[in-house]
């Protein structure tokens, strides 16, 4: 569905049942600076949530990042404070499309 970010190593795939959306986000590497933010890409209109949908996961035993799907369809990776390693990971975001 989306393949973006530095080196194209952030991939979003999804499944939709009616209005229910499940996005699987694979992040090969991430931004390392505190509070950094990067837009991976934009979802098609029928896949967008009515309000931001967020999914967070812990990193390095102390730091955390999140993936946010905004109502305008932008999918972003955002650090939540503290310096980060560049190691990636994966997570799932579920929501109802608008």
Protein backbone atom coordinates (compact mmCIF):
# COMPACT_ATOMS: atom_id res chain seq x y z
CA UNK A 1 0.00 0.00 0.00
CA UNK A 2 2.74 2.48 1.03
CA UNK A 3 6.49 2.04 0.78
CA UNK A 4 8.30 5.15 1.96
CA UNK A 5 10.79 6.80 4.25
CA UNK A 6 14.56 6.95 3.90
CA UNK A 7 15.64 4.06 1.72
CA UNK A 8 12.00 2.98 1.26
CA UNK A 9 12.29 0.83 4.39
CA UNK A 10 8.93 1.73 5.93
CA UNK A 11 6.11 -0.39 4.54
CA UNK A 12 2.37 -0.16 5.25
CA UNK A 13 0.04 -2.96 4.18
CA UNK A 14 -3.62 -3.13 5.05
CA UNK A 15 -6.88 -5.01 5.06
CA UNK A 16 -10.33 -3.45 5.11
CA UNK A 17 -13.64 -5.10 6.12
CA UNK A 18 -16.49 -2.64 5.60
CA UNK A 19 -15.32 0.39 7.59
CA UNK A 20 -12.89 -1.56 9.81
CA UNK A 21 -9.23 -1.07 8.79
CA UNK A 22 -6.16 -2.96 9.96
CA UNK A 23 -2.80 -1.53 8.92
CA UNK A 24 0.44 -3.43 9.45
CA UNK A 25 3.44 -1.11 9.61
CA UNK A 26 6.98 -2.41 9.20
CA UNK A 27 9.76 0.03 10.05
CA UNK A 28 13.23 -1.01 8.86
CA UNK A 29 14.98 1.91 10.56
CA UNK A 30 13.79 4.99 12.35
CA UNK A 31 14.65 8.55 13.10
CA UNK A 32 17.12 8.84 15.97
CA UNK A 33 16.58 12.35 17.33
CA UNK A 34 14.20 13.14 20.17
CA UNK A 35 10.67 14.11 19.03
CA UNK A 36 11.55 13.59 15.33
CA UNK A 37 8.62 13.00 12.96
CA UNK A 38 8.46 11.59 9.43
CA UNK A 39 5.51 11.12 7.08
CA UNK A 40 5.64 7.71 5.39
CA UNK A 41 2.88 8.39 2.86
CA UNK A 42 -0.83 9.07 2.40
CA UNK A 43 -3.72 6.59 2.42
CA UNK A 44 -6.52 6.65 -0.19
CA UNK A 45 -9.74 8.44 0.85
CA UNK A 46 -11.75 5.30 1.77
CA UNK A 47 -8.99 4.14 4.16
CA UNK A 48 -8.75 7.30 6.31
CA UNK A 49 -9.94 7.52 9.95
CA UNK A 50 -12.35 10.21 11.20
CA UNK A 51 -9.88 11.10 13.99
CA UNK A 52 -6.17 10.31 14.42
CA UNK A 53 -5.48 6.63 15.14
CA UNK A 54 -2.30 5.98 17.15
CA UNK A 55 -0.29 2.91 18.05
CA UNK A 56 2.82 3.11 20.23
CA UNK A 57 5.58 0.70 21.08
CA UNK A 58 8.53 0.77 23.48
CA UNK A 59 12.15 0.99 22.41
CA UNK A 60 15.47 0.39 24.13
CA UNK A 61 13.75 -0.28 27.44
CA UNK A 62 13.19 3.47 27.94
CA UNK A 63 12.21 5.30 24.77
CA UNK A 64 9.06 5.02 22.71
CA UNK A 65 7.77 5.84 19.25
CA UNK A 66 4.33 5.85 17.68
CA UNK A 67 2.69 5.50 14.30
CA UNK A 68 -0.17 7.92 13.70
CA UNK A 69 -2.77 7.70 10.93
CA UNK A 70 -4.24 11.20 10.57
CA UNK A 71 -7.73 12.05 9.28
CA UNK A 72 -6.17 13.53 6.11
CA UNK A 73 -4.67 10.09 5.36
CA UNK A 74 -1.07 10.90 6.25
CA UNK A 75 0.75 8.06 8.02
CA UNK A 76 3.58 9.30 10.26
CA UNK A 77 6.28 7.79 12.45
CA UNK A 78 6.92 9.96 15.54
CA UNK A 79 9.48 9.65 18.32
CA UNK A 80 8.15 10.39 21.79
CA UNK A 81 11.12 11.92 23.53
CA UNK A 82 14.62 10.71 24.24
CA UNK A 83 17.23 9.80 21.67
CA UNK A 84 16.49 6.61 19.77
CA UNK A 85 18.48 3.86 18.14
CA UNK A 86 17.88 3.33 14.42
CA UNK A 87 16.54 -0.19 14.92
CA UNK A 88 13.15 -0.80 13.41
CA UNK A 89 10.18 -2.94 14.32
CA UNK A 90 6.58 -3.55 13.38
CA UNK A 91 3.14 -2.81 14.77
CA UNK A 92 -0.54 -2.89 13.88
CA UNK A 93 -2.99 0.04 13.86
CA UNK A 94 -6.75 -0.68 13.81
CA UNK A 95 -9.57 1.85 13.41
CA UNK A 96 -12.88 2.56 11.67
CA UNK A 97 -12.66 4.49 8.39
CA UNK A 98 -14.62 7.72 8.14
